């Protein structure tokens, strides 16, 4: 994530016309740690087509509650403020990329 994106609020990021994949995770989550290199690969493959951000549910409880995150990892793809795709659980990079590319 660029320094400019870090300064934007979560709301600003998900309401833009650029697709944003949000990785809801937690420090204590084993599958989340397994997904870390997969998320990096996905972000690299997407380039400028979409942004990828990580949200720690323990540090951002209000956001996790708002989006009814009940298990981690949970991935939500936003575009123009709307949820375009959502799935929980670890998955291979190609499956994640396919889901994102259908909406970017």
Protein backbone atom coordinates (compact mmCIF):
# COMPACT_ATOMS: atom_id res chain seq x y z
CA UNK A 1 0.00 0.00 0.00
CA UNK A 2 1.35 3.40 -0.89
CA UNK A 3 1.87 6.14 1.68
CA UNK A 4 -0.96 8.13 0.12
CA UNK A 5 -3.40 5.23 0.56
CA UNK A 6 -2.42 4.87 4.21
CA UNK A 7 -3.59 8.42 4.85
CA UNK A 8 -7.05 7.74 3.42
CA UNK A 9 -9.78 6.43 5.67
CA UNK A 10 -11.20 2.94 5.21
CA UNK A 11 -14.41 4.52 3.95
CA UNK A 12 -12.52 6.61 1.37
CA UNK A 13 -10.71 3.53 0.09
CA UNK A 14 -13.75 1.30 -0.35
CA UNK A 15 -15.91 4.06 -1.87
CA UNK A 16 -13.54 4.79 -4.74
CA UNK A 17 -14.08 3.55 -8.28
CA UNK A 18 -11.02 1.31 -7.95
CA UNK A 19 -11.73 -2.18 -6.63
CA UNK A 20 -10.37 -2.87 -3.14
CA UNK A 21 -9.82 -6.33 -1.70
CA UNK A 22 -10.00 -6.20 2.08
CA UNK A 23 -8.30 -9.03 3.95
CA UNK A 24 -9.92 -9.21 7.40
CA UNK A 25 -7.49 -11.14 9.58
CA UNK A 26 -6.00 -11.46 13.06
CA UNK A 27 -2.52 -11.92 14.51
CA UNK A 28 -3.52 -15.18 16.25
CA UNK A 29 -5.04 -16.73 13.11
CA UNK A 30 -3.02 -19.59 11.57
CA UNK A 31 -4.83 -19.59 8.19
CA UNK A 32 -4.33 -15.80 8.01
CA UNK A 33 -0.57 -16.29 8.32
CA UNK A 34 -0.75 -18.96 5.61
CA UNK A 35 -2.56 -16.48 3.35
CA UNK A 36 0.02 -13.67 3.79
CA UNK A 37 2.29 -14.75 0.88
CA UNK A 38 -0.81 -15.53 -1.23
CA UNK A 39 -2.14 -12.00 -0.64
CA UNK A 40 1.25 -10.53 -1.64
CA UNK A 41 1.21 -12.59 -4.84
CA UNK A 42 -2.36 -11.49 -5.60
CA UNK A 43 -1.51 -7.82 -5.00
CA UNK A 44 1.53 -8.12 -7.29
CA UNK A 45 -0.55 -9.81 -10.00
CA UNK A 46 -3.28 -7.17 -9.82
CA UNK A 47 -0.90 -4.25 -10.14
CA UNK A 48 -2.91 -1.04 -10.49
CA UNK A 49 -6.19 -2.84 -11.28
CA UNK A 50 -7.15 -3.10 -7.60
CA UNK A 51 -5.86 -2.24 -4.13
CA UNK A 52 -5.34 -4.80 -1.41
CA UNK A 53 -5.58 -3.81 2.24
CA UNK A 54 -5.37 -5.80 5.44
CA UNK A 55 -7.63 -5.09 8.41
CA UNK A 56 -6.83 -6.61 11.81
CA UNK A 57 -10.21 -7.44 13.37
CA UNK A 58 -8.84 -7.07 16.91
CA UNK A 59 -7.54 -3.55 16.24
CA UNK A 60 -10.55 -2.52 14.15
CA UNK A 61 -13.47 -4.12 15.96
CA UNK A 62 -16.06 -1.59 14.81
CA UNK A 63 -15.22 -2.24 11.14
CA UNK A 64 -15.27 -6.01 11.70
CA UNK A 65 -18.66 -5.71 13.39
CA UNK A 66 -20.04 -3.46 10.65
CA UNK A 67 -19.22 -6.08 8.01
CA UNK A 68 -20.29 -9.02 10.24
CA UNK A 69 -16.90 -10.70 10.20
CA UNK A 70 -17.38 -13.95 12.11
CA UNK A 71 -14.34 -15.89 10.95
CA UNK A 72 -10.90 -15.04 9.64
CA UNK A 73 -9.56 -14.77 7.11
CA UNK A 74 -12.53 -13.16 5.39
CA UNK A 75 -12.03 -11.43 2.06
CA UNK A 76 -14.40 -8.74 0.82
CA UNK A 77 -14.06 -7.04 -2.55
CA UNK A 78 -15.47 -3.52 -2.64
CA UNK A 79 -16.04 -1.26 -5.63
CA UNK A 80 -17.81 2.11 -5.42
CA UNK A 81 -18.64 1.32 -1.79
CA UNK A 82 -20.53 -1.85 -2.65
CA UNK A 83 -19.60 -5.41 -1.76
CA UNK A 84 -18.97 -7.23 -5.04
CA UNK A 85 -17.69 -10.51 -3.60
CA UNK A 86 -17.09 -12.04 -0.19
CA UNK A 87 -15.63 -15.31 1.06
CA UNK A 88 -14.15 -16.67 4.25
CA UNK A 89 -11.31 -19.14 4.59
CA UNK A 90 -7.92 -19.71 3.03
CA UNK A 91 -7.81 -20.22 -0.73
CA UNK A 92 -5.23 -20.50 -3.51
CA UNK A 93 -4.04 -17.34 -5.27
CA UNK A 94 -5.56 -18.32 -8.62
CA UNK A 95 -9.03 -18.71 -7.07
CA UNK A 96 -8.75 -15.35 -5.32
CA UNK A 97 -7.49 -13.65 -8.49
CA UNK A 98 -10.31 -15.13 -10.56
CA UNK A 99 -12.92 -13.79 -8.15
CA UNK A 100 -11.35 -10.30 -8.13
CA UNK A 101 -10.85 -10.10 -11.89
CA UNK A 102 -14.56 -10.74 -12.48
CA UNK A 103 -15.26 -7.37 -10.82
CA UNK A 104 -12.36 -5.08 -11.76
